[in-house]
């Protein structure tokens, strides 16, 4: 979804908006083709909240790489702070399964 949402800002800023929307929908379609079955399989093992947190962590990692490598944006400390917040989210969503000392 990262490319569908932001990739056009670099390559298609001169194209008509309708073209960009249709192109982005096409990219997103293939991601949904993978995501929907993955959620069905994952829901057998994880709660809905856990699936969402996993998705957010993956999205942030992909976005950081996309921003740096494709969009040539500098990596800022804000990525680290956001990542630490996501670590907290992972902890709270998965803490029931953690061994207790």
PDB file of N, CA and C in Angstrom:
ATOM      1  N   UNK A   1       0.823  -1.189   0.000  1.00  0.00           N
ATOM      2  CA  UNK A   1       0.000   0.000   0.000  1.00  0.00           C
ATOM      3  C   UNK A   1       0.870   1.257   0.000  1.00  0.00           C
ATOM      4  N   UNK A   2       2.072   1.135   0.508  1.00  0.00           N
ATOM      5  CA  UNK A   2       2.955   2.300   0.568  1.00  0.00           C
ATOM      6  C   UNK A   2       3.166   2.878  -0.825  1.00  0.00           C
ATOM      7  N   UNK A   3       3.485   2.021  -1.792  1.00  0.00           N
ATOM      8  CA  UNK A   3       3.706   2.529  -3.144  1.00  0.00           C
ATOM      9  C   UNK A   3       2.407   3.062  -3.748  1.00  0.00           C
ATOM     10  N   UNK A   4       1.304   2.376  -3.505  1.00  0.00           N
ATOM     11  CA  UNK A   4       0.019   2.834  -4.043  1.00  0.00           C
ATOM     12  C   UNK A   4      -0.339   4.212  -3.494  1.00  0.00           C
ATOM     13  N   UNK A   5      -0.010   4.463  -2.241  1.00  0.00           N
ATOM     14  CA  UNK A   5      -0.369   5.736  -1.620  1.00  0.00           C
ATOM     15  C   UNK A   5       0.621   6.853  -1.916  1.00  0.00           C
ATOM     16  N   UNK A   6       1.919   6.523  -1.984  1.00  0.00           N
ATOM     17  CA  UNK A   6       2.932   7.569  -2.051  1.00  0.00           C
ATOM     18  C   UNK A   6       3.818   7.530  -3.292  1.00  0.00           C
ATOM     19  N   UNK A   7       3.882   6.418  -3.994  1.00  0.00           N
ATOM     20  CA  UNK A   7       4.772   6.290  -5.140  1.00  0.00           C
ATOM     21  C   UNK A   7       4.485   7.288  -6.240  1.00  0.00           C
ATOM     22  N   UNK A   8       3.231   7.644  -6.407  1.00  0.00           N
ATOM     23  CA  UNK A   8       2.859   8.596  -7.457  1.00  0.00           C
ATOM     24  C   UNK A   8       3.428   9.988  -7.218  1.00  0.00           C
ATOM     25  N   UNK A   9       3.776  10.308  -5.977  1.00  0.00           N
ATOM     26  CA  UNK A   9       4.305  11.638  -5.674  1.00  0.00           C
ATOM     27  C   UNK A   9       5.631  11.889  -6.373  1.00  0.00           C
ATOM     28  N   UNK A  10       6.371  10.825  -6.651  1.00  0.00           N
ATOM     29  CA  UNK A  10       7.663  10.968  -7.315  1.00  0.00           C
ATOM     30  C   UNK A  10       7.538  10.851  -8.833  1.00  0.00           C
ATOM     31  N   UNK A  11       6.784   9.879  -9.310  1.00  0.00           N
ATOM     32  CA  UNK A  11       6.791   9.567 -10.739  1.00  0.00           C
ATOM     33  C   UNK A  11       5.608  10.103 -11.528  1.00  0.00           C
ATOM     34  N   UNK A  12       4.482  10.332 -10.887  1.00  0.00           N
ATOM     35  CA  UNK A  12       3.276  10.670 -11.640  1.00  0.00           C
ATOM     36  C   UNK A  12       2.686  12.016 -11.262  1.00  0.00           C
ATOM     37  N   UNK A  13       3.467  12.916 -10.715  1.00  0.00           N
ATOM     38  CA  UNK A  13       2.901  14.201 -10.295  1.00  0.00           C
ATOM     39  C   UNK A  13       2.452  15.050 -11.481  1.00  0.00           C
ATOM     40  N   UNK A  14       2.859  14.709 -12.689  1.00  0.00           N
ATOM     41  CA  UNK A  14       2.437  15.440 -13.874  1.00  0.00           C
ATOM     42  C   UNK A  14       1.266  14.764 -14.593  1.00  0.00           C
ATOM     43  N   UNK A  15       0.865  13.598 -14.112  1.00  0.00           N
ATOM     44  CA  UNK A  15      -0.243  12.852 -14.731  1.00  0.00           C
ATOM     45  C   UNK A  15      -1.582  13.322 -14.166  1.00  0.00           C
ATOM     46  N   UNK A  16      -2.658  13.129 -14.925  1.00  0.00           N
ATOM     47  CA  UNK A  16      -3.989  13.481 -14.407  1.00  0.00           C
ATOM     48  C   UNK A  16      -4.345  12.658 -13.163  1.00  0.00           C
ATOM     49  N   UNK A  17      -5.075  13.274 -12.275  1.00  0.00           N
ATOM     50  CA  UNK A  17      -5.429  12.631 -11.008  1.00  0.00           C
ATOM     51  C   UNK A  17      -6.174  11.318 -11.232  1.00  0.00           C
ATOM     52  N   UNK A  18      -7.075  11.253 -12.188  1.00  0.00           N
ATOM     53  CA  UNK A  18      -7.824  10.022 -12.446  1.00  0.00           C
ATOM     54  C   UNK A  18      -6.879   8.882 -12.829  1.00  0.00           C
ATOM     55  N   UNK A  19      -5.883   9.160 -13.640  1.00  0.00           N
ATOM     56  CA  UNK A  19      -4.891   8.140 -14.000  1.00  0.00           C
ATOM     57  C   UNK A  19      -4.171   7.639 -12.752  1.00  0.00           C
ATOM     58  N   UNK A  20      -3.750   8.555 -11.902  1.00  0.00           N
ATOM     59  CA  UNK A  20      -3.023   8.184 -10.678  1.00  0.00           C
ATOM     60  C   UNK A  20      -3.904   7.345  -9.760  1.00  0.00           C
ATOM     61  N   UNK A  21      -5.166   7.716  -9.637  1.00  0.00           N
ATOM     62  CA  UNK A  21      -6.098   6.951  -8.796  1.00  0.00           C
ATOM     63  C   UNK A  21      -6.249   5.534  -9.335  1.00  0.00           C
ATOM     64  N   UNK A  22      -6.474   5.393 -10.624  1.00  0.00           N
ATOM     65  CA  UNK A  22      -6.645   4.063 -11.213  1.00  0.00           C
ATOM     66  C   UNK A  22      -5.366   3.233 -11.112  1.00  0.00           C
ATOM     67  N   UNK A  23      -4.223   3.856 -11.338  1.00  0.00           N
ATOM     68  CA  UNK A  23      -2.947   3.163 -11.191  1.00  0.00           C
ATOM     69  C   UNK A  23      -2.757   2.676  -9.753  1.00  0.00           C
ATOM     70  N   UNK A  24      -3.029   3.560  -8.805  1.00  0.00           N
ATOM     71  CA  UNK A  24      -2.873   3.199  -7.386  1.00  0.00           C
ATOM     72  C   UNK A  24      -3.825   2.083  -6.992  1.00  0.00           C
ATOM     73  N   UNK A  25      -5.048   2.113  -7.479  1.00  0.00           N
ATOM     74  CA  UNK A  25      -6.002   1.029  -7.209  1.00  0.00           C
ATOM     75  C   UNK A  25      -5.488  -0.287  -7.763  1.00  0.00           C
ATOM     76  N   UNK A  26      -4.875  -0.243  -8.945  1.00  0.00           N
ATOM     77  CA  UNK A  26      -4.309  -1.458  -9.526  1.00  0.00           C
ATOM     78  C   UNK A  26      -3.197  -2.041  -8.674  1.00  0.00           C
ATOM     79  N   UNK A  27      -2.323  -1.178  -8.174  1.00  0.00           N
ATOM     80  CA  UNK A  27      -1.247  -1.635  -7.289  1.00  0.00           C
ATOM     81  C   UNK A  27      -1.838  -2.196  -6.002  1.00  0.00           C
ATOM     82  N   UNK A  28      -2.788  -1.479  -5.419  1.00  0.00           N
ATOM     83  CA  UNK A  28      -3.397  -1.905  -4.164  1.00  0.00           C
ATOM     84  C   UNK A  28      -4.144  -3.225  -4.320  1.00  0.00           C
ATOM     85  N   UNK A  29      -4.750  -3.459  -5.481  1.00  0.00           N
ATOM     86  CA  UNK A  29      -5.488  -4.697  -5.708  1.00  0.00           C
ATOM     87  C   UNK A  29      -4.601  -5.915  -5.456  1.00  0.00           C
ATOM     88  N   UNK A  30      -3.392  -5.891  -5.995  1.00  0.00           N
ATOM     89  CA  UNK A  30      -2.500  -7.038  -5.832  1.00  0.00           C
ATOM     90  C   UNK A  30      -2.057  -7.211  -4.382  1.00  0.00           C
ATOM     91  N   UNK A  31      -1.924  -6.112  -3.662  1.00  0.00           N
ATOM     92  CA  UNK A  31      -1.598  -6.227  -2.245  1.00  0.00           C
ATOM     93  C   UNK A  31      -2.768  -6.820  -1.467  1.00  0.00           C
ATOM     94  N   UNK A  32      -3.976  -6.436  -1.794  1.00  0.00           N
ATOM     95  CA  UNK A  32      -5.153  -7.003  -1.139  1.00  0.00           C
ATOM     96  C   UNK A  32      -5.318  -8.481  -1.460  1.00  0.00           C
ATOM     97  N   UNK A  33      -4.948  -8.877  -2.662  1.00  0.00           N
ATOM     98  CA  UNK A  33      -5.022 -10.296  -3.040  1.00  0.00           C
ATOM     99  C   UNK A  33      -4.149 -11.134  -2.102  1.00  0.00           C
ATOM    100  N   UNK A  34      -3.065 -10.573  -1.625  1.00  0.00           N
ATOM    101  CA  UNK A  34      -2.206 -11.271  -0.670  1.00  0.00           C
ATOM    102  C   UNK A  34      -2.660 -11.061   0.775  1.00  0.00           C
ATOM    103  N   UNK A  35      -3.097  -9.855   1.097  1.00  0.00           N
ATOM    104  CA  UNK A  35      -3.412  -9.517   2.484  1.00  0.00           C
ATOM    105  C   UNK A  35      -4.653 -10.224   3.011  1.00  0.00           C
ATOM    106  N   UNK A  36      -5.694 -10.305   2.204  1.00  0.00           N
ATOM    107  CA  UNK A  36      -6.937 -10.908   2.685  1.00  0.00           C
ATOM    108  C   UNK A  36      -6.740 -12.383   3.052  1.00  0.00           C
ATOM    109  N   UNK A  37      -6.127 -13.200   2.193  1.00  0.00           N
ATOM    110  CA  UNK A  37      -5.873 -14.588   2.617  1.00  0.00           C
ATOM    111  C   UNK A  37      -4.928 -14.676   3.810  1.00  0.00           C
ATOM    112  N   UNK A  38      -3.941 -13.793   3.870  1.00  0.00           N
ATOM    113  CA  UNK A  38      -3.016 -13.810   5.004  1.00  0.00           C
ATOM    114  C   UNK A  38      -3.755 -13.539   6.312  1.00  0.00           C
ATOM    115  N   UNK A  39      -4.699 -12.609   6.285  1.00  0.00           N
ATOM    116  CA  UNK A  39      -5.485 -12.328   7.489  1.00  0.00           C
ATOM    117  C   UNK A  39      -6.356 -13.512   7.872  1.00  0.00           C
ATOM    118  N   UNK A  40      -6.939 -14.180   6.892  1.00  0.00           N
ATOM    119  CA  UNK A  40      -7.760 -15.363   7.205  1.00  0.00           C
ATOM    120  C   UNK A  40      -6.924 -16.446   7.862  1.00  0.00           C
ATOM    121  N   UNK A  41      -5.756 -16.684   7.323  1.00  0.00           N
ATOM    122  CA  UNK A  41      -4.861 -17.699   7.909  1.00  0.00           C
ATOM    123  C   UNK A  41      -4.377 -17.241   9.279  1.00  0.00           C
ATOM    124  N   UNK A  42      -3.935 -15.993   9.363  1.00  0.00           N
ATOM    125  CA  UNK A  42      -3.410 -15.464  10.613  1.00  0.00           C
ATOM    126  C   UNK A  42      -4.425 -15.429  11.735  1.00  0.00           C
ATOM    127  N   UNK A  43      -5.696 -15.211  11.401  1.00  0.00           N
ATOM    128  CA  UNK A  43      -6.741 -15.116  12.416  1.00  0.00           C
ATOM    129  C   UNK A  43      -6.966 -16.449  13.128  1.00  0.00           C
ATOM    130  N   UNK A  44      -6.471 -17.531  12.557  1.00  0.00           N
ATOM    131  CA  UNK A  44      -6.545 -18.829  13.222  1.00  0.00           C
ATOM    132  C   UNK A  44      -5.572 -18.898  14.392  1.00  0.00           C
ATOM    133  N   UNK A  45      -4.546 -18.035  14.387  1.00  0.00           N
ATOM    134  CA  UNK A  45      -3.488 -18.083  15.386  1.00  0.00           C
ATOM    135  C   UNK A  45      -3.387 -16.815  16.232  1.00  0.00           C
ATOM    136  N   UNK A  46      -3.824 -15.691  15.683  1.00  0.00           N
ATOM    137  CA  UNK A  46      -3.681 -14.408  16.365  1.00  0.00           C
ATOM    138  C   UNK A  46      -5.039 -13.745  16.528  1.00  0.00           C
ATOM    139  N   UNK A  47      -5.134 -12.863  17.526  1.00  0.00           N
ATOM    140  CA  UNK A  47      -6.357 -12.078  17.692  1.00  0.00           C
ATOM    141  C   UNK A  47      -6.389 -10.968  16.635  1.00  0.00           C
ATOM    142  N   UNK A  48      -7.538 -10.346  16.497  1.00  0.00           N
ATOM    143  CA  UNK A  48      -7.682  -9.257  15.536  1.00  0.00           C
ATOM    144  C   UNK A  48      -6.722  -8.109  15.869  1.00  0.00           C
ATOM    145  N   UNK A  49      -6.610  -7.774  17.148  1.00  0.00           N
ATOM    146  CA  UNK A  49      -5.694  -6.708  17.565  1.00  0.00           C
ATOM    147  C   UNK A  49      -4.248  -7.059  17.267  1.00  0.00           C
ATOM    148  N   UNK A  50      -3.877  -8.312  17.479  1.00  0.00           N
ATOM    149  CA  UNK A  50      -2.518  -8.741  17.180  1.00  0.00           C
ATOM    150  C   UNK A  50      -2.233  -8.650  15.682  1.00  0.00           C
ATOM    151  N   UNK A  51      -3.201  -9.065  14.863  1.00  0.00           N
ATOM    152  CA  UNK A  51      -3.018  -8.948  13.414  1.00  0.00           C
ATOM    153  C   UNK A  51      -2.815  -7.493  13.004  1.00  0.00           C
ATOM    154  N   UNK A  52      -3.572  -6.590  13.605  1.00  0.00           N
ATOM    155  CA  UNK A  52      -3.445  -5.170  13.260  1.00  0.00           C
ATOM    156  C   UNK A  52      -2.081  -4.630  13.650  1.00  0.00           C
ATOM    157  N   UNK A  53      -1.595  -4.989  14.818  1.00  0.00           N
ATOM    158  CA  UNK A  53      -0.286  -4.506  15.255  1.00  0.00           C
ATOM    159  C   UNK A  53       0.817  -5.076  14.360  1.00  0.00           C
ATOM    160  N   UNK A  54       0.718  -6.338  13.995  1.00  0.00           N
ATOM    161  CA  UNK A  54       1.688  -6.928  13.066  1.00  0.00           C
ATOM    162  C   UNK A  54       1.682  -6.140  11.755  1.00  0.00           C
ATOM    163  N   UNK A  55       0.501  -5.830  11.253  1.00  0.00           N
ATOM    164  CA  UNK A  55       0.383  -5.070  10.005  1.00  0.00           C
ATOM    165  C   UNK A  55       1.013  -3.690  10.140  1.00  0.00           C
ATOM    166  N   UNK A  56       0.805  -3.030  11.261  1.00  0.00           N
ATOM    167  CA  UNK A  56       1.370  -1.691  11.458  1.00  0.00           C
ATOM    168  C   UNK A  56       2.893  -1.728  11.534  1.00  0.00           C
ATOM    169  N   UNK A  57       3.440  -2.735  12.206  1.00  0.00           N
ATOM    170  CA  UNK A  57       4.897  -2.864  12.287  1.00  0.00           C
ATOM    171  C   UNK A  57       5.483  -3.085  10.891  1.00  0.00           C
ATOM    172  N   UNK A  58       4.875  -3.983  10.136  1.00  0.00           N
ATOM    173  CA  UNK A  58       5.343  -4.239   8.768  1.00  0.00           C
ATOM    174  C   UNK A  58       5.236  -2.968   7.930  1.00  0.00           C
ATOM    175  N   UNK A  59       4.122  -2.257   8.056  1.00  0.00           N
ATOM    176  CA  UNK A  59       3.924  -1.021   7.298  1.00  0.00           C
ATOM    177  C   UNK A  59       4.993   0.009   7.628  1.00  0.00           C
ATOM    178  N   UNK A  60       5.327   0.176   8.907  1.00  0.00           N
ATOM    179  CA  UNK A  60       6.324   1.176   9.303  1.00  0.00           C
ATOM    180  C   UNK A  60       7.708   0.807   8.786  1.00  0.00           C
ATOM    181  N   UNK A  61       8.059  -0.471   8.842  1.00  0.00           N
ATOM    182  CA  UNK A  61       9.361  -0.906   8.337  1.00  0.00           C
ATOM    183  C   UNK A  61       9.438  -0.686   6.827  1.00  0.00           C
ATOM    184  N   UNK A  62       8.385  -1.085   6.123  1.00  0.00           N
ATOM    185  CA  UNK A  62       8.352  -0.892   4.669  1.00  0.00           C
ATOM    186  C   UNK A  62       8.380   0.593   4.335  1.00  0.00           C
ATOM    187  N   UNK A  63       7.608   1.397   5.066  1.00  0.00           N
ATOM    188  CA  UNK A  63       7.568   2.833   4.787  1.00  0.00           C
ATOM    189  C   UNK A  63       8.930   3.477   5.010  1.00  0.00           C
ATOM    190  N   UNK A  64       9.620   3.115   6.073  1.00  0.00           N
ATOM    191  CA  UNK A  64      10.942   3.690   6.339  1.00  0.00           C
ATOM    192  C   UNK A  64      11.898   3.372   5.186  1.00  0.00           C
ATOM    193  N   UNK A  65      11.905   2.121   4.744  1.00  0.00           N
ATOM    194  CA  UNK A  65      12.757   1.750   3.617  1.00  0.00           C
ATOM    195  C   UNK A  65      12.347   2.468   2.341  1.00  0.00           C
ATOM    196  N   UNK A  66      11.048   2.551   2.086  1.00  0.00           N
ATOM    197  CA  UNK A  66      10.525   3.240   0.905  1.00  0.00           C
ATOM    198  C   UNK A  66      10.912   4.714   0.930  1.00  0.00           C
ATOM    199  N   UNK A  67      10.739   5.359   2.071  1.00  0.00           N
ATOM    200  CA  UNK A  67      11.043   6.790   2.185  1.00  0.00           C
ATOM    201  C   UNK A  67      12.521   7.054   1.922  1.00  0.00           C
ATOM    202  N   UNK A  68      13.381   6.194   2.450  1.00  0.00           N
ATOM    203  CA  UNK A  68      14.820   6.410   2.287  1.00  0.00           C
ATOM    204  C   UNK A  68      15.300   6.025   0.884  1.00  0.00           C
ATOM    205  N   UNK A  69      14.944   4.833   0.436  1.00  0.00           N
ATOM    206  CA  UNK A  69      15.517   4.322  -0.804  1.00  0.00           C
ATOM    207  C   UNK A  69      14.822   4.843  -2.061  1.00  0.00           C
ATOM    208  N   UNK A  70      13.505   4.891  -2.047  1.00  0.00           N
ATOM    209  CA  UNK A  70      12.780   5.285  -3.255  1.00  0.00           C
ATOM    210  C   UNK A  70      12.553   6.797  -3.326  1.00  0.00           C
ATOM    211  N   UNK A  71      12.108   7.364  -2.207  1.00  0.00           N
ATOM    212  CA  UNK A  71      11.789   8.791  -2.201  1.00  0.00           C
ATOM    213  C   UNK A  71      12.984   9.661  -1.808  1.00  0.00           C
ATOM    214  N   UNK A  72      14.101   9.030  -1.433  1.00  0.00           N
ATOM    215  CA  UNK A  72      15.344   9.737  -1.079  1.00  0.00           C
ATOM    216  C   UNK A  72      15.144  10.730   0.064  1.00  0.00           C
ATOM    217  N   UNK A  73      14.335  10.326   1.035  1.00  0.00           N
ATOM    218  CA  UNK A  73      14.113  11.143   2.229  1.00  0.00           C
ATOM    219  C   UNK A  73      15.125  10.735   3.294  1.00  0.00           C
ATOM    220  N   UNK A  74      15.588  11.676   4.094  1.00  0.00           N
ATOM    221  CA  UNK A  74      16.551  11.310   5.143  1.00  0.00           C
ATOM    222  C   UNK A  74      15.877  10.518   6.263  1.00  0.00           C
ATOM    223  N   UNK A  75      16.620   9.593   6.835  1.00  0.00           N
ATOM    224  CA  UNK A  75      16.130   8.852   7.998  1.00  0.00           C
ATOM    225  C   UNK A  75      16.282   9.754   9.211  1.00  0.00           C
ATOM    226  N   UNK A  76      15.183  10.020   9.870  1.00  0.00           N
ATOM    227  CA  UNK A  76      15.197  10.931  11.018  1.00  0.00           C
ATOM    228  C   UNK A  76      14.997  10.145  12.301  1.00  0.00           C
ATOM    229  N   UNK A  77      15.303  10.770  13.396  1.00  0.00           N
ATOM    230  CA  UNK A  77      15.116  10.149  14.708  1.00  0.00           C
ATOM    231  C   UNK A  77      13.641   9.833  14.949  1.00  0.00           C
ATOM    232  N   UNK A  78      12.751  10.535  14.289  1.00  0.00           N
ATOM    233  CA  UNK A  78      11.319  10.271  14.458  1.00  0.00           C
ATOM    234  C   UNK A  78      10.962   8.839  14.068  1.00  0.00           C
ATOM    235  N   UNK A  79      11.690   8.263  13.089  1.00  0.00           N
ATOM    236  CA  UNK A  79      11.451   6.865  12.727  1.00  0.00           C
ATOM    237  C   UNK A  79      11.793   5.955  13.911  1.00  0.00           C
ATOM    238  N   UNK A  80      12.874   6.274  14.605  1.00  0.00           N
ATOM    239  CA  UNK A  80      13.259   5.493  15.786  1.00  0.00           C
ATOM    240  C   UNK A  80      12.192   5.601  16.866  1.00  0.00           C
ATOM    241  N   UNK A  81      11.733   6.813  17.150  1.00  0.00           N
ATOM    242  CA  UNK A  81      10.721   7.001  18.204  1.00  0.00           C
ATOM    243  C   UNK A  81       9.421   6.301  17.829  1.00  0.00           C
ATOM    244  N   UNK A  82       9.019   6.404  16.579  1.00  0.00           N
ATOM    245  CA  UNK A  82       7.811   5.706  16.128  1.00  0.00           C
ATOM    246  C   UNK A  82       7.995   4.201  16.256  1.00  0.00           C
ATOM    247  N   UNK A  83       9.189   3.716  15.902  1.00  0.00           N
ATOM    248  CA  UNK A  83       9.483   2.288  16.039  1.00  0.00           C
ATOM    249  C   UNK A  83       9.406   1.829  17.485  1.00  0.00           C
ATOM    250  N   UNK A  84       9.905   2.649  18.407  1.00  0.00           N
ATOM    251  CA  UNK A  84       9.833   2.297  19.828  1.00  0.00           C
ATOM    252  C   UNK A  84       8.379   2.256  20.307  1.00  0.00           C
ATOM    253  N   UNK A  85       7.571   3.155  19.809  1.00  0.00           N
ATOM    254  CA  UNK A  85       6.135   3.109  20.152  1.00  0.00           C
ATOM    255  C   UNK A  85       5.508   1.816  19.647  1.00  0.00           C
ATOM    256  N   UNK A  86       5.904   1.387  18.455  1.00  0.00           N
ATOM    257  CA  UNK A  86       5.381   0.134  17.917  1.00  0.00           C
ATOM    258  C   UNK A  86       5.865  -1.065  18.723  1.00  0.00           C
ATOM    259  N   UNK A  87       7.086  -1.002  19.232  1.00  0.00           N
ATOM    260  CA  UNK A  87       7.565  -2.076  20.113  1.00  0.00           C
ATOM    261  C   UNK A  87       6.668  -2.160  21.334  1.00  0.00           C
ATOM    262  N   UNK A  88       6.278  -1.005  21.881  1.00  0.00           N
ATOM    263  CA  UNK A  88       5.342  -0.993  23.006  1.00  0.00           C
ATOM    264  C   UNK A  88       3.995  -1.592  22.623  1.00  0.00           C
ATOM    265  N   UNK A  89       3.512  -1.265  21.436  1.00  0.00           N
ATOM    266  CA  UNK A  89       2.239  -1.825  20.971  1.00  0.00           C
ATOM    267  C   UNK A  89       2.334  -3.338  20.847  1.00  0.00           C
ATOM    268  N   UNK A  90       3.439  -3.820  20.299  1.00  0.00           N
ATOM    269  CA  UNK A  90       3.637  -5.270  20.178  1.00  0.00           C
ATOM    270  C   UNK A  90       3.644  -5.904  21.556  1.00  0.00           C
ATOM    271  N   UNK A  91       4.356  -5.301  22.492  1.00  0.00           N
ATOM    272  CA  UNK A  91       4.415  -5.849  23.852  1.00  0.00           C
ATOM    273  C   UNK A  91       3.013  -5.986  24.445  1.00  0.00           C
ATOM    274  N   UNK A  92       2.237  -4.909  24.384  1.00  0.00           N
ATOM    275  CA  UNK A  92       0.924  -4.949  25.020  1.00  0.00           C
ATOM    276  C   UNK A  92      -0.044  -5.904  24.324  1.00  0.00           C
ATOM    277  N   UNK A  93       0.060  -6.043  23.007  1.00  0.00           N
ATOM    278  CA  UNK A  93      -0.849  -6.939  22.295  1.00  0.00           C
ATOM    279  C   UNK A  93      -0.476  -8.411  22.474  1.00  0.00           C
ATOM    280  N   UNK A  94       0.810  -8.686  22.745  1.00  0.00           N
ATOM    281  CA  UNK A  94       1.258 -10.068  22.829  1.00  0.00           C
ATOM    282  C   UNK A  94       1.682 -10.494  24.247  1.00  0.00           C
ATOM    283  N   UNK A  95       1.511  -9.625  25.231  1.00  0.00           N
ATOM    284  CA  UNK A  95       2.046  -9.923  26.565  1.00  0.00           C
ATOM    285  C   UNK A  95       1.378 -11.112  27.253  1.00  0.00           C
ATOM    286  N   UNK A  96       0.155 -11.458  26.890  1.00  0.00           N
ATOM    287  CA  UNK A  96      -0.503 -12.625  27.504  1.00  0.00           C
ATOM    288  C   UNK A  96       0.262 -13.911  27.210  1.00  0.00           C
ATOM    289  N   UNK A  97       0.904 -13.981  26.051  1.00  0.00           N
ATOM    290  CA  UNK A  97       1.632 -15.187  25.674  1.00  0.00           C
ATOM    291  C   UNK A  97       3.074 -15.199  26.141  1.00  0.00           C
ATOM    292  N   UNK A  98       3.533 -14.124  26.787  1.00  0.00           N
ATOM    293  CA  UNK A  98       4.920 -14.052  27.235  1.00  0.00           C
ATOM    294  C   UNK A  98       5.090 -14.850  28.528  1.00  0.00           C
ATOM    295  N   UNK A  99       6.237 -15.494  28.691  1.00  0.00           N
ATOM    296  CA  UNK A  99       6.488 -16.199  29.957  1.00  0.00           C
ATOM    297  C   UNK A  99       6.654 -15.197  31.093  1.00  0.00           C
ATOM    298  N   UNK A 100       6.140 -15.535  32.257  1.00  0.00           N
ATOM    299  CA  UNK A 100       6.247 -14.645  33.419  1.00  0.00           C
ATOM    300  C   UNK A 100       7.389 -15.106  34.289  1.00  0.00           C
ATOM    301  N   UNK A 101       8.106 -14.152  34.867  1.00  0.00           N
ATOM    302  CA  UNK A 101       9.265 -14.460  35.692  1.00  0.00           C
ATOM    303  C   UNK A 101       8.845 -14.915  37.079  1.00  0.00           C
TER     304      UNK A 101
END
